[in-house]
Amino acid sequence: LESYYGAPHYQGGGISAGLDSHLYLARCEIDNNYSNDGGGIASTGFLSINNSYIHHNAARAYGRSDGGGVSARSASISNTTIAYNSASYGGGISASYLTLGSATISGNTAHGYISEIDGTHAGAGGGIDGGTVSISSSTITGNRAGYGGVHAYSLRISDSVVAGNGSPEESNDIGGVGGGAYGSYSYPNPLVYSNGHNIFGSFVRGSTLGDLEGVATDRLFAAVN
């Protein structure tokens, strides 16, 4: 399946799946679509994506938009690349519940939005904006936002690389102003649950013995090798 240049729906420029749906996608390419939320795919049921490429989609709205590549209530994504998508929040993925395995999330942007009521909001989660997020054997790098690579309420991570994300002014990945995973707007250093086999571009509250922290992008591939 290839979906591209989809019509501008309110949700899901390429594919839209409704409440109580179970959508399973494999060996798909979803590109160059746009909508208010879920530029590439929007699902309010359960979404499973495997062995696919989701790229160059955009969530655009007058105000906040979520999930440039994927917007989902509950999603399991594996062996998939999500790249070069954009939205106000969750440039690559926006999901309440997300399980990510053997995936690459790269080059996505959360650009924020301006509200007539309360002003400018910096973008959150250039790669991922989520509630409960579990990441394994994945690489998240080169994503841009006011609050970096991964923005999550609860984050469990294993055997992964999260580095080289952040804002144009400051490159942070997890925690801190401009950082990657923000537990909430008033709590800038969320607790991350790590298995001790991760590479982080910044220092992480919740890292454990075996993790590499503060790895600069120019050292990233040397650290991986």
C-alpha atoms as a PDB file:
ATOM      1  CA  LEU A   1       0.000   0.000   0.000  1.00  0.00           C
ATOM      2  CA  GLU A   2       1.213   3.492  -0.838  1.00  0.00           C
ATOM      3  CA  SER A   3      -0.772   6.541   0.214  1.00  0.00           C
ATOM      4  CA  TYR A   4       0.349   9.951  -0.951  1.00  0.00           C
ATOM      5  CA  TYR A   5      -1.015  13.407  -1.703  1.00  0.00           C
ATOM      6  CA  GLY A   6      -4.118  12.654   0.317  1.00  0.00           C
ATOM      7  CA  ALA A   7      -7.023  15.096   0.526  1.00  0.00           C
ATOM      8  CA  PRO A   8      -7.038  17.522   3.470  1.00  0.00           C
ATOM      9  CA  HIS A   9      -9.314  15.733   5.964  1.00  0.00           C
ATOM     10  CA  TYR A  10      -9.869  16.969   9.516  1.00  0.00           C
ATOM     11  CA  GLN A  11      -8.047  13.852  10.773  1.00  0.00           C
ATOM     12  CA  GLY A  12      -5.832  11.540   8.758  1.00  0.00           C
ATOM     13  CA  GLY A  13      -4.667  13.055   5.503  1.00  0.00           C
ATOM     14  CA  GLY A  14      -3.610   9.656   4.136  1.00  0.00           C
ATOM     15  CA  ILE A  15      -5.559   7.177   6.283  1.00  0.00           C
ATOM     16  CA  SER A  16      -8.244   7.756   8.923  1.00  0.00           C
ATOM     17  CA  ALA A  17      -9.550   5.028  11.278  1.00  0.00           C
ATOM     18  CA  GLY A  18     -12.369   5.668  13.728  1.00  0.00           C
ATOM     19  CA  LEU A  19     -13.260   4.765  17.296  1.00  0.00           C
ATOM     20  CA  ASP A  20     -13.103   1.030  18.163  1.00  0.00           C
ATOM     21  CA  SER A  21     -11.235   0.292  14.928  1.00  0.00           C
ATOM     22  CA  HIS A  22      -8.265  -2.074  14.688  1.00  0.00           C
ATOM     23  CA  LEU A  23      -6.014  -0.968  11.843  1.00  0.00           C
ATOM     24  CA  TYR A  24      -2.996  -3.102  10.869  1.00  0.00           C
ATOM     25  CA  LEU A  25      -0.527  -1.734   8.320  1.00  0.00           C
ATOM     26  CA  ALA A  26       2.507  -3.570   6.939  1.00  0.00           C
ATOM     27  CA  ARG A  27       4.930  -2.762   4.124  1.00  0.00           C
ATOM     28  CA  CYS A  28       3.290   0.622   3.570  1.00  0.00           C
ATOM     29  CA  GLU A  29       4.572   3.986   2.433  1.00  0.00           C
ATOM     30  CA  ILE A  30       2.581   7.011   3.608  1.00  0.00           C
ATOM     31  CA  ASP A  31       3.890  10.322   2.304  1.00  0.00           C
ATOM     32  CA  ASN A  32       3.004  13.897   1.306  1.00  0.00           C
ATOM     33  CA  ASN A  33      -0.390  14.039   3.034  1.00  0.00           C
ATOM     34  CA  TYR A  34      -1.809  16.668   5.368  1.00  0.00           C
ATOM     35  CA  SER A  35      -4.746  17.283   7.691  1.00  0.00           C
ATOM     36  CA  ASN A  36      -5.543  19.117  10.936  1.00  0.00           C
ATOM     37  CA  ASP A  37      -4.349  16.146  13.038  1.00  0.00           C
ATOM     38  CA  GLY A  38      -2.556  13.023  11.900  1.00  0.00           C
ATOM     39  CA  GLY A  39      -1.086  14.318   8.686  1.00  0.00           C
ATOM     40  CA  GLY A  40      -0.269  10.826   7.457  1.00  0.00           C
ATOM     41  CA  ILE A  41      -2.449   8.564   9.642  1.00  0.00           C
ATOM     42  CA  ALA A  42      -5.065   9.260  12.317  1.00  0.00           C
ATOM     43  CA  SER A  43      -6.568   6.514  14.479  1.00  0.00           C
ATOM     44  CA  THR A  44      -8.885   6.791  17.472  1.00  0.00           C
ATOM     45  CA  GLY A  45      -8.896   2.997  17.895  1.00  0.00           C
ATOM     46  CA  PHE A  46      -5.883   0.647  17.937  1.00  0.00           C
ATOM     47  CA  LEU A  47      -3.149   1.073  15.339  1.00  0.00           C
ATOM     48  CA  SER A  48      -0.377  -1.362  14.424  1.00  0.00           C
ATOM     49  CA  ILE A  49       2.342  -0.424  11.913  1.00  0.00           C
ATOM     50  CA  ASN A  50       5.154  -2.740  10.809  1.00  0.00           C
ATOM     51  CA  ASN A  51       7.915  -2.498   8.217  1.00  0.00           C
ATOM     52  CA  SER A  52       6.732   0.828   6.790  1.00  0.00           C
ATOM     53  CA  TYR A  53       7.961   4.292   5.849  1.00  0.00           C
ATOM     54  CA  ILE A  54       5.992   7.378   6.895  1.00  0.00           C
ATOM     55  CA  HIS A  55       7.489  10.624   5.657  1.00  0.00           C
ATOM     56  CA  HIS A  56       6.886  14.204   4.548  1.00  0.00           C
ATOM     57  CA  ASN A  57       3.402  14.473   6.049  1.00  0.00           C
ATOM     58  CA  ALA A  58       2.082  17.498   7.973  1.00  0.00           C
ATOM     59  CA  ALA A  59      -0.602  18.254  10.538  1.00  0.00           C
ATOM     60  CA  ARG A  60      -1.752  21.828   9.949  1.00  0.00           C
ATOM     61  CA  ALA A  61      -4.431  23.741  11.833  1.00  0.00           C
ATOM     62  CA  TYR A  62      -5.391  27.224  12.916  1.00  0.00           C
ATOM     63  CA  GLY A  63      -4.074  26.659  16.424  1.00  0.00           C
ATOM     64  CA  ARG A  64      -2.728  23.373  17.751  1.00  0.00           C
ATOM     65  CA  SER A  65      -2.167  20.344  15.516  1.00  0.00           C
ATOM     66  CA  ASP A  66      -0.968  16.901  16.617  1.00  0.00           C
ATOM     67  CA  GLY A  67       0.927  14.087  14.931  1.00  0.00           C
ATOM     68  CA  GLY A  68       2.538  15.088  11.663  1.00  0.00           C
ATOM     69  CA  GLY A  69       3.157  11.472  10.684  1.00  0.00           C
ATOM     70  CA  VAL A  70       0.841   9.587  13.029  1.00  0.00           C
ATOM     71  CA  SER A  71      -1.853  10.608  15.512  1.00  0.00           C
ATOM     72  CA  ALA A  72      -3.257   7.708  17.551  1.00  0.00           C
ATOM     73  CA  ARG A  73      -4.994   6.838  20.775  1.00  0.00           C
ATOM     74  CA  SER A  74      -3.093   3.548  21.081  1.00  0.00           C
ATOM     75  CA  ALA A  75      -0.320   2.458  18.710  1.00  0.00           C
ATOM     76  CA  SER A  76       2.291  -0.256  18.302  1.00  0.00           C
ATOM     77  CA  ILE A  77       4.968   0.617  15.732  1.00  0.00           C
ATOM     78  CA  SER A  78       7.869  -1.646  14.744  1.00  0.00           C
ATOM     79  CA  ASN A  79      10.554  -1.891  12.053  1.00  0.00           C
ATOM     80  CA  THR A  80       9.391   1.444  10.689  1.00  0.00           C
ATOM     81  CA  THR A  81      10.964   4.777   9.778  1.00  0.00           C
ATOM     82  CA  ILE A  82       9.067   7.988  10.546  1.00  0.00           C
ATOM     83  CA  ALA A  83      10.889  10.991   9.113  1.00  0.00           C
ATOM     84  CA  TYR A  84      10.478  14.579   7.909  1.00  0.00           C
ATOM     85  CA  ASN A  85       6.960  15.085   9.247  1.00  0.00           C
ATOM     86  CA  SER A  86       5.708  18.190  11.068  1.00  0.00           C
ATOM     87  CA  ALA A  87       2.996  19.370  13.466  1.00  0.00           C
ATOM     88  CA  SER A  88       2.544  21.743  16.402  1.00  0.00           C
ATOM     89  CA  TYR A  89       3.037  18.826  18.825  1.00  0.00           C
ATOM     90  CA  GLY A  90       4.447  15.417  17.989  1.00  0.00           C
ATOM     91  CA  GLY A  91       6.139  16.133  14.694  1.00  0.00           C
ATOM     92  CA  GLY A  92       6.561  12.411  14.011  1.00  0.00           C
ATOM     93  CA  ILE A  93       4.064  10.720  16.349  1.00  0.00           C
ATOM     94  CA  SER A  94       1.392  11.858  18.780  1.00  0.00           C
ATOM     95  CA  ALA A  95      -0.138   9.030  20.844  1.00  0.00           C
ATOM     96  CA  SER A  96      -1.731   8.527  24.236  1.00  0.00           C
ATOM     97  CA  TYR A  97      -0.262   5.015  24.468  1.00  0.00           C
ATOM     98  CA  LEU A  98       2.720   4.090  22.315  1.00  0.00           C
ATOM     99  CA  THR A  99       4.942   1.023  22.009  1.00  0.00           C
ATOM    100  CA  LEU A 100       7.872   1.567  19.667  1.00  0.00           C
ATOM    101  CA  GLY A 101      10.338  -1.146  18.657  1.00  0.00           C
ATOM    102  CA  SER A 102      13.204  -1.320  16.140  1.00  0.00           C
ATOM    103  CA  ALA A 103      12.175   2.023  14.676  1.00  0.00           C
ATOM    104  CA  THR A 104      13.889   5.174  13.446  1.00  0.00           C
ATOM    105  CA  ILE A 105      12.341   8.556  14.267  1.00  0.00           C
ATOM    106  CA  SER A 106      14.359  11.289  12.586  1.00  0.00           C
ATOM    107  CA  GLY A 107      14.150  14.738  11.036  1.00  0.00           C
ATOM    108  CA  ASN A 108      10.679  15.543  12.354  1.00  0.00           C
ATOM    109  CA  THR A 109       9.617  18.987  13.654  1.00  0.00           C
ATOM    110  CA  ALA A 110       7.146  20.228  16.271  1.00  0.00           C
ATOM    111  CA  HIS A 111       6.863  23.929  15.489  1.00  0.00           C
ATOM    112  CA  GLY A 112       4.365  25.042  18.131  1.00  0.00           C
ATOM    113  CA  TYR A 113       1.500  27.446  17.552  1.00  0.00           C
ATOM    114  CA  ILE A 114       0.143  30.866  18.471  1.00  0.00           C
ATOM    115  CA  SER A 115      -3.104  31.225  20.409  1.00  0.00           C
ATOM    116  CA  GLU A 116      -5.114  34.428  20.434  1.00  0.00           C
ATOM    117  CA  ILE A 117      -6.029  33.630  24.052  1.00  0.00           C
ATOM    118  CA  ASP A 118      -2.710  32.762  25.697  1.00  0.00           C
ATOM    119  CA  GLY A 119       0.002  33.594  23.174  1.00  0.00           C
ATOM    120  CA  THR A 120       2.847  31.509  21.807  1.00  0.00           C
ATOM    121  CA  HIS A 121       3.282  27.821  22.621  1.00  0.00           C
ATOM    122  CA  ALA A 122       6.617  26.186  21.880  1.00  0.00           C
ATOM    123  CA  GLY A 123       6.389  22.878  20.045  1.00  0.00           C
ATOM    124  CA  ALA A 124       6.732  19.712  22.123  1.00  0.00           C
ATOM    125  CA  GLY A 125       8.039  16.361  20.968  1.00  0.00           C
ATOM    126  CA  GLY A 126       9.777  16.862  17.662  1.00  0.00           C
ATOM    127  CA  GLY A 127       9.875  13.089  17.280  1.00  0.00           C
ATOM    128  CA  ILE A 128       7.257  11.846  19.752  1.00  0.00           C
ATOM    129  CA  ASP A 129       4.605  13.496  21.903  1.00  0.00           C
ATOM    130  CA  GLY A 130       2.945  10.885  24.089  1.00  0.00           C
ATOM    131  CA  GLY A 131       1.323   9.891  27.333  1.00  0.00           C
ATOM    132  CA  THR A 132       2.613   6.422  28.241  1.00  0.00           C
ATOM    133  CA  VAL A 133       5.528   5.600  25.936  1.00  0.00           C
ATOM    134  CA  SER A 134       7.694   2.472  25.724  1.00  0.00           C
ATOM    135  CA  ILE A 135      10.714   2.494  23.378  1.00  0.00           C
ATOM    136  CA  SER A 136      13.048  -0.412  22.581  1.00  0.00           C
ATOM    137  CA  SER A 137      15.870  -0.962  20.080  1.00  0.00           C
ATOM    138  CA  SER A 138      15.146   2.355  18.350  1.00  0.00           C
ATOM    139  CA  THR A 139      16.973   5.486  17.226  1.00  0.00           C
ATOM    140  CA  ILE A 140      15.520   8.957  17.806  1.00  0.00           C
ATOM    141  CA  THR A 141      17.718  11.708  16.445  1.00  0.00           C
ATOM    142  CA  GLY A 142      17.657  14.974  14.528  1.00  0.00           C
ATOM    143  CA  ASN A 143      14.148  15.955  15.646  1.00  0.00           C
ATOM    144  CA  ARG A 144      13.438  19.613  16.417  1.00  0.00           C
ATOM    145  CA  ALA A 145      11.059  21.365  18.808  1.00  0.00           C
ATOM    146  CA  GLY A 146      10.990  23.781  21.710  1.00  0.00           C
ATOM    147  CA  TYR A 147      10.876  20.665  23.887  1.00  0.00           C
ATOM    148  CA  GLY A 148      12.978  18.310  21.788  1.00  0.00           C
ATOM    149  CA  GLY A 149      12.929  14.702  20.712  1.00  0.00           C
ATOM    150  CA  VAL A 150      10.483  12.880  23.024  1.00  0.00           C
ATOM    151  CA  HIS A 151       7.781  14.551  25.135  1.00  0.00           C
ATOM    152  CA  ALA A 152       6.051  12.021  27.394  1.00  0.00           C
ATOM    153  CA  TYR A 153       4.246  11.671  30.693  1.00  0.00           C
ATOM    154  CA  SER A 154       5.804   8.256  31.348  1.00  0.00           C
ATOM    155  CA  LEU A 155       8.782   6.888  29.412  1.00  0.00           C
ATOM    156  CA  ARG A 156      10.352   3.430  29.494  1.00  0.00           C
ATOM    157  CA  ILE A 157      13.356   2.914  27.242  1.00  0.00           C
ATOM    158  CA  SER A 158      15.715   0.061  26.432  1.00  0.00           C
ATOM    159  CA  ASP A 159      18.551  -0.595  23.974  1.00  0.00           C
ATOM    160  CA  SER A 160      17.983   2.717  22.181  1.00  0.00           C
ATOM    161  CA  VAL A 161      19.658   5.942  21.076  1.00  0.00           C
ATOM    162  CA  VAL A 162      18.072   9.310  21.887  1.00  0.00           C
ATOM    163  CA  ALA A 163      20.549  12.008  20.893  1.00  0.00           C
ATOM    164  CA  GLY A 164      20.942  15.058  18.691  1.00  0.00           C
ATOM    165  CA  ASN A 165      17.417  16.354  19.301  1.00  0.00           C
ATOM    166  CA  GLY A 166      16.283  19.691  20.731  1.00  0.00           C
ATOM    167  CA  SER A 167      15.600  23.266  19.844  1.00  0.00           C
ATOM    168  CA  PRO A 168      17.674  25.342  17.435  1.00  0.00           C
ATOM    169  CA  GLU A 169      19.105  27.183  20.448  1.00  0.00           C
ATOM    170  CA  GLU A 170      19.813  24.184  22.669  1.00  0.00           C
ATOM    171  CA  SER A 171      20.333  20.508  21.872  1.00  0.00           C
ATOM    172  CA  ASN A 172      18.738  18.446  24.663  1.00  0.00           C
ATOM    173  CA  ASP A 173      17.013  15.101  24.407  1.00  0.00           C
ATOM    174  CA  ILE A 174      15.396  14.110  27.704  1.00  0.00           C
ATOM    175  CA  GLY A 175      14.701  16.677  30.412  1.00  0.00           C
ATOM    176  CA  GLY A 176      15.520  20.356  30.865  1.00  0.00           C
ATOM    177  CA  VAL A 177      14.357  23.423  28.996  1.00  0.00           C
ATOM    178  CA  GLY A 178      14.468  22.618  25.294  1.00  0.00           C
ATOM    179  CA  GLY A 179      14.783  18.958  26.221  1.00  0.00           C
ATOM    180  CA  GLY A 180      13.497  15.803  24.681  1.00  0.00           C
ATOM    181  CA  ALA A 181      11.103  14.173  27.170  1.00  0.00           C
ATOM    182  CA  TYR A 182       9.026  16.503  29.288  1.00  0.00           C
ATOM    183  CA  GLY A 183       7.011  14.876  32.061  1.00  0.00           C
ATOM    184  CA  SER A 184       4.762  17.926  32.191  1.00  0.00           C
ATOM    185  CA  TYR A 185       5.152  21.603  31.503  1.00  0.00           C
ATOM    186  CA  SER A 186       5.786  22.305  35.209  1.00  0.00           C
ATOM    187  CA  TYR A 187       8.170  19.349  35.687  1.00  0.00           C
ATOM    188  CA  PRO A 188      11.148  19.734  33.379  1.00  0.00           C
ATOM    189  CA  ASN A 189      13.092  16.626  34.392  1.00  0.00           C
ATOM    190  CA  PRO A 190      10.863  13.545  34.162  1.00  0.00           C
ATOM    191  CA  LEU A 191      11.839  10.177  35.541  1.00  0.00           C
ATOM    192  CA  VAL A 192      12.879   7.851  32.731  1.00  0.00           C
ATOM    193  CA  TYR A 193      12.896   4.108  33.331  1.00  0.00           C
ATOM    194  CA  SER A 194      15.994   2.680  31.638  1.00  0.00           C
ATOM    195  CA  ASN A 195      17.370  -0.847  31.289  1.00  0.00           C
ATOM    196  CA  GLY A 196      20.944   0.465  31.273  1.00  0.00           C
ATOM    197  CA  HIS A 197      21.716  -0.105  27.600  1.00  0.00           C
ATOM    198  CA  ASN A 198      20.904   3.279  26.076  1.00  0.00           C
ATOM    199  CA  ILE A 199      22.788   6.218  24.583  1.00  0.00           C
ATOM    200  CA  PHE A 200      21.484   9.656  25.568  1.00  0.00           C
ATOM    201  CA  GLY A 201      22.592  12.999  24.202  1.00  0.00           C
ATOM    202  CA  SER A 202      21.851  14.675  27.545  1.00  0.00           C
ATOM    203  CA  PHE A 203      21.930  13.697  31.222  1.00  0.00           C
ATOM    204  CA  VAL A 204      18.841  11.772  32.282  1.00  0.00           C
ATOM    205  CA  ARG A 205      17.056  11.418  35.602  1.00  0.00           C
ATOM    206  CA  GLY A 206      16.481   7.682  35.861  1.00  0.00           C
ATOM    207  CA  SER A 207      19.511   6.508  33.890  1.00  0.00           C
ATOM    208  CA  THR A 208      21.311   3.535  35.349  1.00  0.00           C
ATOM    209  CA  LEU A 209      24.660   1.756  35.207  1.00  0.00           C
ATOM    210  CA  GLY A 210      25.553   0.994  31.606  1.00  0.00           C
ATOM    211  CA  ASP A 211      23.816   3.967  29.995  1.00  0.00           C
ATOM    212  CA  LEU A 212      25.945   6.489  28.115  1.00  0.00           C
ATOM    213  CA  GLU A 213      24.887  10.089  28.801  1.00  0.00           C
ATOM    214  CA  GLY A 214      25.864  13.464  27.401  1.00  0.00           C
ATOM    215  CA  VAL A 215      27.006  11.968  24.112  1.00  0.00           C
ATOM    216  CA  ALA A 216      27.602  14.735  21.558  1.00  0.00           C
ATOM    217  CA  THR A 217      26.306  14.121  18.066  1.00  0.00           C
ATOM    218  CA  ASP A 218      29.828  14.101  16.631  1.00  0.00           C
ATOM    219  CA  ARG A 219      30.599  11.188  18.956  1.00  0.00           C
ATOM    220  CA  LEU A 220      27.343   9.376  18.381  1.00  0.00           C
ATOM    221  CA  PHE A 221      28.414   6.857  15.753  1.00  0.00           C
ATOM    222  CA  ALA A 222      31.687   6.222  17.541  1.00  0.00           C
ATOM    223  CA  ALA A 223      29.670   5.395  20.684  1.00  0.00           C
ATOM    224  CA  VAL A 224      27.324   3.124  18.768  1.00  0.00           C
ATOM    225  CA  ASN A 225      30.258   1.289  17.190  1.00  0.00           C
END
